[in-house]
Amino acid sequence: MARVQQQQQFRAALATVLRMKLAELAMNPTDLTRKVGLSLNTVRRTLMGERSPDVFELRLIADVLGEPYQVLVERADQYLAALETDASAVRQQIGEELG
């Protein structure tokens, strides 16, 4: 898989993890913006998977969300692995149905 594609997939997975954590805490992007001191546009683009936060930004976000940043990265990796497993199972099922 190409590096750019891997980066896009990781950004999307991290964005999903961050949105899930925000929902769990009953927070919205504006709340996060106020607490981390980043622009609303930066936060929204991060939560949509359009940009990757740098390490400093991720640490700020993680602190506000009450998680070590490493845990957020691990969860994004786990989310990606689950998606790949599901996609593989779907491909297998389709192959069996067509076979």
N, C-alpha and C. Protein backbone atom coordinates (compact mmCIF):
# COMPACT_ATOMS: atom_id res chain seq x y z
N MET A 1 0.85 -1.18 0.00
CA MET A 1 0.00 0.00 0.00
C MET A 1 0.90 1.24 0.00
N ALA A 2 0.52 2.20 -0.78
CA ALA A 2 1.31 3.41 -0.90
C ALA A 2 1.29 4.20 0.40
N ARG A 3 2.39 4.88 0.64
CA ARG A 3 2.53 5.64 1.89
C ARG A 3 1.44 6.70 2.03
N VAL A 4 1.11 7.39 0.96
CA VAL A 4 0.09 8.44 1.02
C VAL A 4 -1.25 7.83 1.42
N GLN A 5 -1.57 6.67 0.85
CA GLN A 5 -2.82 6.01 1.20
C GLN A 5 -2.82 5.59 2.67
N GLN A 6 -1.70 5.11 3.17
CA GLN A 6 -1.60 4.74 4.59
C GLN A 6 -1.80 5.96 5.47
N GLN A 7 -1.22 7.08 5.08
CA GLN A 7 -1.38 8.31 5.86
C GLN A 7 -2.85 8.74 5.88
N GLN A 8 -3.51 8.66 4.74
CA GLN A 8 -4.91 9.06 4.66
C GLN A 8 -5.78 8.15 5.53
N GLN A 9 -5.50 6.85 5.48
CA GLN A 9 -6.27 5.91 6.28
C GLN A 9 -6.04 6.13 7.77
N PHE A 10 -4.79 6.41 8.16
CA PHE A 10 -4.52 6.66 9.57
C PHE A 10 -5.18 7.95 10.03
N ARG A 11 -5.12 8.99 9.20
CA ARG A 11 -5.79 10.26 9.55
C ARG A 11 -7.27 10.03 9.78
N ALA A 12 -7.89 9.27 8.89
CA ALA A 12 -9.32 8.98 9.01
C ALA A 12 -9.62 8.18 10.27
N ALA A 13 -8.76 7.20 10.58
CA ALA A 13 -8.96 6.38 11.78
C ALA A 13 -8.78 7.22 13.04
N LEU A 14 -7.76 8.05 13.07
CA LEU A 14 -7.54 8.91 14.23
C LEU A 14 -8.70 9.89 14.40
N ALA A 15 -9.18 10.43 13.30
CA ALA A 15 -10.33 11.34 13.36
C ALA A 15 -11.54 10.63 13.96
N THR A 16 -11.76 9.40 13.56
CA THR A 16 -12.89 8.62 14.11
C THR A 16 -12.72 8.42 15.60
N VAL A 17 -11.53 8.07 16.03
CA VAL A 17 -11.26 7.87 17.46
C VAL A 17 -11.49 9.17 18.22
N LEU A 18 -11.02 10.28 17.69
CA LEU A 18 -11.20 11.56 18.37
C LEU A 18 -12.67 11.95 18.45
N ARG A 19 -13.42 11.74 17.36
CA ARG A 19 -14.85 12.06 17.39
C ARG A 19 -15.60 11.18 18.40
N MET A 20 -15.23 9.91 18.46
CA MET A 20 -15.86 9.00 19.43
C MET A 20 -15.59 9.46 20.85
N LYS A 21 -14.36 9.88 21.12
CA LYS A 21 -14.00 10.33 22.46
C LYS A 21 -14.73 11.63 22.79
N LEU A 22 -14.84 12.53 21.82
CA LEU A 22 -15.59 13.77 22.05
C LEU A 22 -17.03 13.46 22.39
N ALA A 23 -17.63 12.54 21.64
CA ALA A 23 -19.03 12.16 21.91
C ALA A 23 -19.17 11.56 23.29
N GLU A 24 -18.22 10.71 23.66
CA GLU A 24 -18.24 10.08 24.99
C GLU A 24 -18.22 11.13 26.09
N LEU A 25 -17.50 12.22 25.85
CA LEU A 25 -17.37 13.29 26.84
C LEU A 25 -18.43 14.38 26.67
N ALA A 26 -19.36 14.17 25.73
CA ALA A 26 -20.40 15.16 25.42
C ALA A 26 -19.79 16.51 25.08
N MET A 27 -18.72 16.47 24.30
CA MET A 27 -18.05 17.69 23.84
C MET A 27 -18.27 17.84 22.34
N ASN A 28 -18.12 19.07 21.86
CA ASN A 28 -18.19 19.32 20.42
C ASN A 28 -16.89 20.00 19.98
N PRO A 29 -16.71 20.19 18.67
CA PRO A 29 -15.47 20.81 18.20
C PRO A 29 -15.19 22.19 18.80
N THR A 30 -16.24 22.96 19.05
CA THR A 30 -16.04 24.28 19.65
C THR A 30 -15.49 24.16 21.07
N ASP A 31 -16.01 23.20 21.83
CA ASP A 31 -15.49 22.97 23.18
C ASP A 31 -14.00 22.62 23.12
N LEU A 32 -13.66 21.71 22.21
CA LEU A 32 -12.27 21.28 22.08
C LEU A 32 -11.39 22.46 21.67
N THR A 33 -11.88 23.27 20.74
CA THR A 33 -11.14 24.45 20.28
C THR A 33 -10.80 25.38 21.44
N ARG A 34 -11.80 25.64 22.26
CA ARG A 34 -11.58 26.54 23.40
C ARG A 34 -10.54 25.99 24.37
N LYS A 35 -10.58 24.69 24.57
CA LYS A 35 -9.70 24.09 25.58
C LYS A 35 -8.28 23.85 25.09
N VAL A 36 -8.09 23.63 23.79
CA VAL A 36 -6.73 23.37 23.29
C VAL A 36 -6.07 24.61 22.71
N GLY A 37 -6.87 25.62 22.37
CA GLY A 37 -6.29 26.84 21.84
C GLY A 37 -5.93 26.78 20.37
N LEU A 38 -6.49 25.82 19.65
CA LEU A 38 -6.29 25.74 18.20
C LEU A 38 -7.49 26.40 17.52
N SER A 39 -7.33 26.75 16.27
CA SER A 39 -8.46 27.36 15.56
C SER A 39 -9.55 26.32 15.32
N LEU A 40 -10.78 26.80 15.19
CA LEU A 40 -11.90 25.91 14.92
C LEU A 40 -11.69 25.18 13.60
N ASN A 41 -11.15 25.88 12.60
CA ASN A 41 -10.88 25.26 11.31
C ASN A 41 -9.88 24.11 11.45
N THR A 42 -8.84 24.30 12.23
CA THR A 42 -7.84 23.25 12.45
C THR A 42 -8.47 22.05 13.14
N VAL A 43 -9.27 22.31 14.16
CA VAL A 43 -9.92 21.22 14.89
C VAL A 43 -10.90 20.48 13.98
N ARG A 44 -11.70 21.20 13.24
CA ARG A 44 -12.67 20.56 12.33
C ARG A 44 -11.98 19.72 11.27
N ARG A 45 -10.91 20.26 10.68
CA ARG A 45 -10.18 19.50 9.65
C ARG A 45 -9.54 18.26 10.24
N THR A 46 -9.08 18.34 11.48
CA THR A 46 -8.51 17.17 12.16
C THR A 46 -9.59 16.13 12.42
N LEU A 47 -10.75 16.59 12.87
CA LEU A 47 -11.84 15.67 13.19
C LEU A 47 -12.48 15.07 11.94
N MET A 48 -12.26 15.67 10.80
CA MET A 48 -12.76 15.13 9.53
C MET A 48 -11.71 14.27 8.83
N GLY A 49 -10.52 14.21 9.40
CA GLY A 49 -9.46 13.40 8.79
C GLY A 49 -8.79 14.08 7.61
N GLU A 50 -8.97 15.38 7.50
CA GLU A 50 -8.37 16.13 6.39
C GLU A 50 -6.94 16.56 6.68
N ARG A 51 -6.57 16.52 7.93
CA ARG A 51 -5.20 16.88 8.33
C ARG A 51 -4.81 16.05 9.53
N SER A 52 -3.51 15.89 9.69
CA SER A 52 -2.99 15.18 10.85
C SER A 52 -2.48 16.21 11.86
N PRO A 53 -2.83 16.03 13.11
CA PRO A 53 -2.26 16.94 14.11
C PRO A 53 -0.78 16.61 14.29
N ASP A 54 0.01 17.65 14.55
CA ASP A 54 1.40 17.34 14.87
C ASP A 54 1.44 16.78 16.31
N VAL A 55 2.59 16.33 16.73
CA VAL A 55 2.69 15.68 18.04
C VAL A 55 2.28 16.62 19.16
N PHE A 56 2.68 17.87 19.07
CA PHE A 56 2.32 18.85 20.10
C PHE A 56 0.81 19.02 20.16
N GLU A 57 0.16 19.17 18.99
CA GLU A 57 -1.29 19.33 18.96
C GLU A 57 -1.99 18.08 19.50
N LEU A 58 -1.49 16.91 19.11
CA LEU A 58 -2.09 15.67 19.57
C LEU A 58 -1.98 15.55 21.09
N ARG A 59 -0.86 15.98 21.64
CA ARG A 59 -0.72 15.96 23.11
C ARG A 59 -1.72 16.90 23.78
N LEU A 60 -1.90 18.08 23.20
CA LEU A 60 -2.88 19.03 23.75
C LEU A 60 -4.28 18.42 23.71
N ILE A 61 -4.64 17.87 22.56
CA ILE A 61 -5.96 17.26 22.39
C ILE A 61 -6.13 16.10 23.36
N ALA A 62 -5.12 15.25 23.46
CA ALA A 62 -5.19 14.09 24.35
C ALA A 62 -5.38 14.52 25.80
N ASP A 63 -4.67 15.56 26.21
CA ASP A 63 -4.82 16.06 27.59
C ASP A 63 -6.26 16.49 27.86
N VAL A 64 -6.84 17.22 26.92
CA VAL A 64 -8.22 17.68 27.08
C VAL A 64 -9.18 16.49 27.12
N LEU A 65 -8.89 15.47 26.32
CA LEU A 65 -9.76 14.29 26.28
C LEU A 65 -9.49 13.31 27.42
N GLY A 66 -8.46 13.59 28.21
CA GLY A 66 -8.16 12.75 29.37
C GLY A 66 -7.53 11.41 29.02
N GLU A 67 -6.83 11.37 27.91
CA GLU A 67 -6.17 10.14 27.47
C GLU A 67 -4.71 10.45 27.14
N PRO A 68 -3.80 9.52 27.40
CA PRO A 68 -2.45 9.70 26.87
C PRO A 68 -2.51 9.66 25.34
N TYR A 69 -1.71 10.48 24.69
CA TYR A 69 -1.77 10.52 23.23
C TYR A 69 -1.43 9.18 22.61
N GLN A 70 -0.58 8.39 23.30
CA GLN A 70 -0.22 7.07 22.79
C GLN A 70 -1.45 6.16 22.71
N VAL A 71 -2.36 6.31 23.65
CA VAL A 71 -3.58 5.50 23.66
C VAL A 71 -4.45 5.86 22.45
N LEU A 72 -4.54 7.14 22.13
CA LEU A 72 -5.32 7.56 20.96
C LEU A 72 -4.73 6.98 19.68
N VAL A 73 -3.40 6.99 19.58
CA VAL A 73 -2.73 6.42 18.41
C VAL A 73 -2.97 4.91 18.34
N GLU A 74 -2.86 4.23 19.49
CA GLU A 74 -3.12 2.78 19.54
C GLU A 74 -4.55 2.47 19.10
N ARG A 75 -5.49 3.25 19.58
CA ARG A 75 -6.90 3.02 19.20
C ARG A 75 -7.11 3.23 17.71
N ALA A 76 -6.43 4.21 17.15
CA ALA A 76 -6.53 4.42 15.70
C ALA A 76 -5.96 3.21 14.95
N ASP A 77 -4.84 2.69 15.42
CA ASP A 77 -4.26 1.49 14.81
C ASP A 77 -5.22 0.30 14.93
N GLN A 78 -5.83 0.15 16.09
CA GLN A 78 -6.79 -0.95 16.30
C GLN A 78 -8.01 -0.79 15.40
N TYR A 79 -8.46 0.43 15.25
CA TYR A 79 -9.61 0.70 14.38
C TYR A 79 -9.27 0.32 12.94
N LEU A 80 -8.08 0.70 12.49
CA LEU A 80 -7.66 0.35 11.14
C LEU A 80 -7.58 -1.16 10.96
N ALA A 81 -7.01 -1.85 11.95
CA ALA A 81 -6.90 -3.31 11.87
C ALA A 81 -8.28 -3.96 11.80
N ALA A 82 -9.23 -3.43 12.56
CA ALA A 82 -10.59 -3.97 12.54
C ALA A 82 -11.23 -3.75 11.17
N LEU A 83 -11.00 -2.59 10.58
CA LEU A 83 -11.55 -2.32 9.25
C LEU A 83 -10.96 -3.27 8.22
N GLU A 84 -9.66 -3.50 8.31
CA GLU A 84 -9.00 -4.41 7.37
C GLU A 84 -9.53 -5.83 7.53
N THR A 85 -9.74 -6.26 8.77
CA THR A 85 -10.27 -7.59 9.03
C THR A 85 -11.68 -7.72 8.47
N ASP A 86 -12.51 -6.70 8.71
CA ASP A 86 -13.88 -6.72 8.19
C ASP A 86 -13.88 -6.74 6.67
N ALA A 87 -13.02 -5.94 6.06
CA ALA A 87 -12.96 -5.89 4.60
C ALA A 87 -12.52 -7.24 4.04
N SER A 88 -11.57 -7.87 4.71
CA SER A 88 -11.10 -9.18 4.27
C SER A 88 -12.22 -10.21 4.38
N ALA A 89 -12.98 -10.15 5.45
CA ALA A 89 -14.09 -11.09 5.64
C ALA A 89 -15.16 -10.88 4.58
N VAL A 90 -15.43 -9.63 4.25
CA VAL A 90 -16.43 -9.32 3.22
C VAL A 90 -15.95 -9.84 1.86
N ARG A 91 -14.67 -9.61 1.53
CA ARG A 91 -14.13 -10.10 0.27
C ARG A 91 -14.23 -11.62 0.19
N GLN A 92 -13.93 -12.27 1.30
CA GLN A 92 -14.01 -13.73 1.35
C GLN A 92 -15.44 -14.19 1.14
N GLN A 93 -16.37 -13.54 1.83
CA GLN A 93 -17.79 -13.92 1.70
C GLN A 93 -18.29 -13.74 0.27
N ILE A 94 -17.92 -12.63 -0.34
CA ILE A 94 -18.32 -12.36 -1.72
C ILE A 94 -17.73 -13.43 -2.64
N GLY A 95 -16.47 -13.75 -2.41
CA GLY A 95 -15.82 -14.79 -3.22
C GLY A 95 -16.53 -16.12 -3.10
N GLU A 96 -16.95 -16.48 -1.90
CA GLU A 96 -17.67 -17.73 -1.68
C GLU A 96 -19.03 -17.72 -2.35
N GLU A 97 -19.70 -16.56 -2.30
CA GLU A 97 -21.01 -16.44 -2.90
C GLU A 97 -20.93 -16.50 -4.43
N LEU A 98 -19.86 -15.93 -4.98
CA LEU A 98 -19.69 -15.91 -6.43
C LEU A 98 -19.07 -17.21 -6.94
N GLY A 99 -18.32 -17.88 -6.04
CA GLY A 99 -17.55 -19.07 -6.41
C GLY A 99 -18.38 -20.23 -6.73
